[in-house]
Amino acid sequence: MDVKHALYPIINQKFSELYLSRVPTHYNEHSFQQTHGVTDKFYDFNVSLMKKLKNNLEAAEKFYESEATKHRDDGFVFYCRSCAK
């Protein structure tokens, strides 16, 4: 997806939410020792995809920082700076 697309920040946020989520194998609210998530094995299987994601996130950060400096609308500047974090 292009970093200039209006839905890019939302899709990126949902991806990060799923990527970082942890799922317990057995339900026990006091024990998180036996949890697993996508991040546990993602680097082992697809390193090139992770590099592409990193490059895409860096490009998005540069794009939103440049957009924030171009505009004078405070709401839009706040939005762009929030997306660049």
C-alpha atoms as a PDB file:
ATOM      1  CA  MET A   1       0.000   0.000   0.000  1.00  0.00           C
ATOM      2  CA  ASP A   2       1.232   3.467  -0.845  1.00  0.00           C
ATOM      3  CA  VAL A   3       2.210   5.619   2.150  1.00  0.00           C
ATOM      4  CA  LYS A   4       0.214   8.513   0.667  1.00  0.00           C
ATOM      5  CA  HIS A   5      -3.032   6.551   0.843  1.00  0.00           C
ATOM      6  CA  ALA A   6      -5.504   7.907   3.393  1.00  0.00           C
ATOM      7  CA  LEU A   7      -6.016   4.504   5.063  1.00  0.00           C
ATOM      8  CA  TYR A   8      -2.321   3.703   5.426  1.00  0.00           C
ATOM      9  CA  PRO A   9      -2.027   4.819   9.090  1.00  0.00           C
ATOM     10  CA  ILE A  10      -5.120   2.851  10.114  1.00  0.00           C
ATOM     11  CA  ILE A  11      -4.040  -0.341   8.365  1.00  0.00           C
ATOM     12  CA  ASN A  12      -0.566   0.049   9.794  1.00  0.00           C
ATOM     13  CA  GLN A  13      -1.992   0.466  13.288  1.00  0.00           C
ATOM     14  CA  LYS A  14      -4.141  -2.678  12.969  1.00  0.00           C
ATOM     15  CA  PHE A  15      -1.185  -4.662  11.627  1.00  0.00           C
ATOM     16  CA  SER A  16       0.922  -3.569  14.602  1.00  0.00           C
ATOM     17  CA  GLU A  17      -1.879  -4.477  16.991  1.00  0.00           C
ATOM     18  CA  LEU A  18      -2.099  -8.002  15.570  1.00  0.00           C
ATOM     19  CA  TYR A  19       1.656  -8.351  15.235  1.00  0.00           C
ATOM     20  CA  LEU A  20       2.332  -7.479  18.868  1.00  0.00           C
ATOM     21  CA  SER A  21      -0.622  -9.325  20.418  1.00  0.00           C
ATOM     22  CA  ARG A  22       0.032 -12.285  22.669  1.00  0.00           C
ATOM     23  CA  VAL A  23      -2.338 -15.230  22.967  1.00  0.00           C
ATOM     24  CA  PRO A  24      -2.211 -17.570  25.966  1.00  0.00           C
ATOM     25  CA  THR A  25      -2.306 -21.282  25.191  1.00  0.00           C
ATOM     26  CA  HIS A  26      -4.294 -21.981  28.367  1.00  0.00           C
ATOM     27  CA  TYR A  27      -6.565 -19.489  30.053  1.00  0.00           C
ATOM     28  CA  ASN A  28      -4.995 -18.433  33.305  1.00  0.00           C
ATOM     29  CA  GLU A  29      -5.147 -14.737  34.049  1.00  0.00           C
ATOM     30  CA  HIS A  30      -2.116 -14.864  36.356  1.00  0.00           C
ATOM     31  CA  SER A  31       0.272 -16.737  34.085  1.00  0.00           C
ATOM     32  CA  PHE A  32       1.728 -15.374  30.866  1.00  0.00           C
ATOM     33  CA  GLN A  33       4.556 -17.894  30.611  1.00  0.00           C
ATOM     34  CA  GLN A  34       2.875 -19.938  27.921  1.00  0.00           C
ATOM     35  CA  THR A  35       1.853 -17.270  25.458  1.00  0.00           C
ATOM     36  CA  HIS A  36       2.639 -17.061  21.786  1.00  0.00           C
ATOM     37  CA  GLY A  37       2.257 -14.493  19.069  1.00  0.00           C
ATOM     38  CA  VAL A  38       3.153 -13.737  15.501  1.00  0.00           C
ATOM     39  CA  THR A  39       6.441 -12.099  16.438  1.00  0.00           C
ATOM     40  CA  ASP A  40       7.888 -15.305  17.875  1.00  0.00           C
ATOM     41  CA  LYS A  41       8.597 -16.875  14.494  1.00  0.00           C
ATOM     42  CA  PHE A  42       8.055 -14.086  11.992  1.00  0.00           C
ATOM     43  CA  TYR A  43      11.736 -13.219  11.610  1.00  0.00           C
ATOM     44  CA  ASP A  44      12.661 -16.871  11.125  1.00  0.00           C
ATOM     45  CA  PHE A  45      10.406 -17.328   8.116  1.00  0.00           C
ATOM     46  CA  ASN A  46      10.426 -14.044   6.217  1.00  0.00           C
ATOM     47  CA  VAL A  47      13.337 -11.699   6.880  1.00  0.00           C
ATOM     48  CA  SER A  48      12.972  -9.960   3.506  1.00  0.00           C
ATOM     49  CA  LEU A  49       9.355  -9.044   4.279  1.00  0.00           C
ATOM     50  CA  MET A  50      10.412  -7.522   7.594  1.00  0.00           C
ATOM     51  CA  LYS A  51      13.031  -5.421   5.782  1.00  0.00           C
ATOM     52  CA  LYS A  52      10.384  -4.228   3.320  1.00  0.00           C
ATOM     53  CA  LEU A  53       8.061  -3.328   6.194  1.00  0.00           C
ATOM     54  CA  LYS A  54      10.827  -1.405   7.917  1.00  0.00           C
ATOM     55  CA  ASN A  55      11.658   0.528   4.733  1.00  0.00           C
ATOM     56  CA  ASN A  56       7.970   1.264   4.193  1.00  0.00           C
ATOM     57  CA  LEU A  57       7.575   2.569   7.745  1.00  0.00           C
ATOM     58  CA  GLU A  58      10.639   4.787   7.350  1.00  0.00           C
ATOM     59  CA  ALA A  59       9.232   6.182   4.088  1.00  0.00           C
ATOM     60  CA  ALA A  60       5.903   6.860   5.796  1.00  0.00           C
ATOM     61  CA  GLU A  61       7.640   8.674   8.644  1.00  0.00           C
ATOM     62  CA  LYS A  62       9.493  10.928   6.189  1.00  0.00           C
ATOM     63  CA  PHE A  63       6.307  11.561   4.197  1.00  0.00           C
ATOM     64  CA  TYR A  64       4.216  12.576   7.208  1.00  0.00           C
ATOM     65  CA  GLU A  65       6.982  14.777   8.608  1.00  0.00           C
ATOM     66  CA  SER A  66       7.244  16.609   5.284  1.00  0.00           C
ATOM     67  CA  GLU A  67       3.449  16.972   5.102  1.00  0.00           C
ATOM     68  CA  ALA A  68       3.388  18.435   8.616  1.00  0.00           C
ATOM     69  CA  THR A  69       5.889  21.137   7.647  1.00  0.00           C
ATOM     70  CA  LYS A  70       3.979  22.073   4.465  1.00  0.00           C
ATOM     71  CA  HIS A  71       0.581  22.829   6.012  1.00  0.00           C
ATOM     72  CA  ARG A  72      -0.554  25.465   8.480  1.00  0.00           C
ATOM     73  CA  ASP A  73      -3.768  23.799   9.684  1.00  0.00           C
ATOM     74  CA  ASP A  74      -3.139  22.791  13.304  1.00  0.00           C
ATOM     75  CA  GLY A  75      -5.406  19.733  13.148  1.00  0.00           C
ATOM     76  CA  PHE A  76      -3.727  18.381  10.032  1.00  0.00           C
ATOM     77  CA  VAL A  77      -0.257  19.079  11.422  1.00  0.00           C
ATOM     78  CA  PHE A  78      -1.159  17.220  14.624  1.00  0.00           C
ATOM     79  CA  TYR A  79      -2.460  14.290  12.539  1.00  0.00           C
ATOM     80  CA  CYS A  80       0.712  14.140  10.448  1.00  0.00           C
ATOM     81  CA  ARG A  81       3.020  14.366  13.442  1.00  0.00           C
ATOM     82  CA  SER A  82       1.034  11.617  15.190  1.00  0.00           C
ATOM     83  CA  CYS A  83       1.363   9.365  12.137  1.00  0.00           C
ATOM     84  CA  ALA A  84       5.109  10.035  11.990  1.00  0.00           C
ATOM     85  CA  LYS A  85       5.722   8.713  15.506  1.00  0.00           C
END
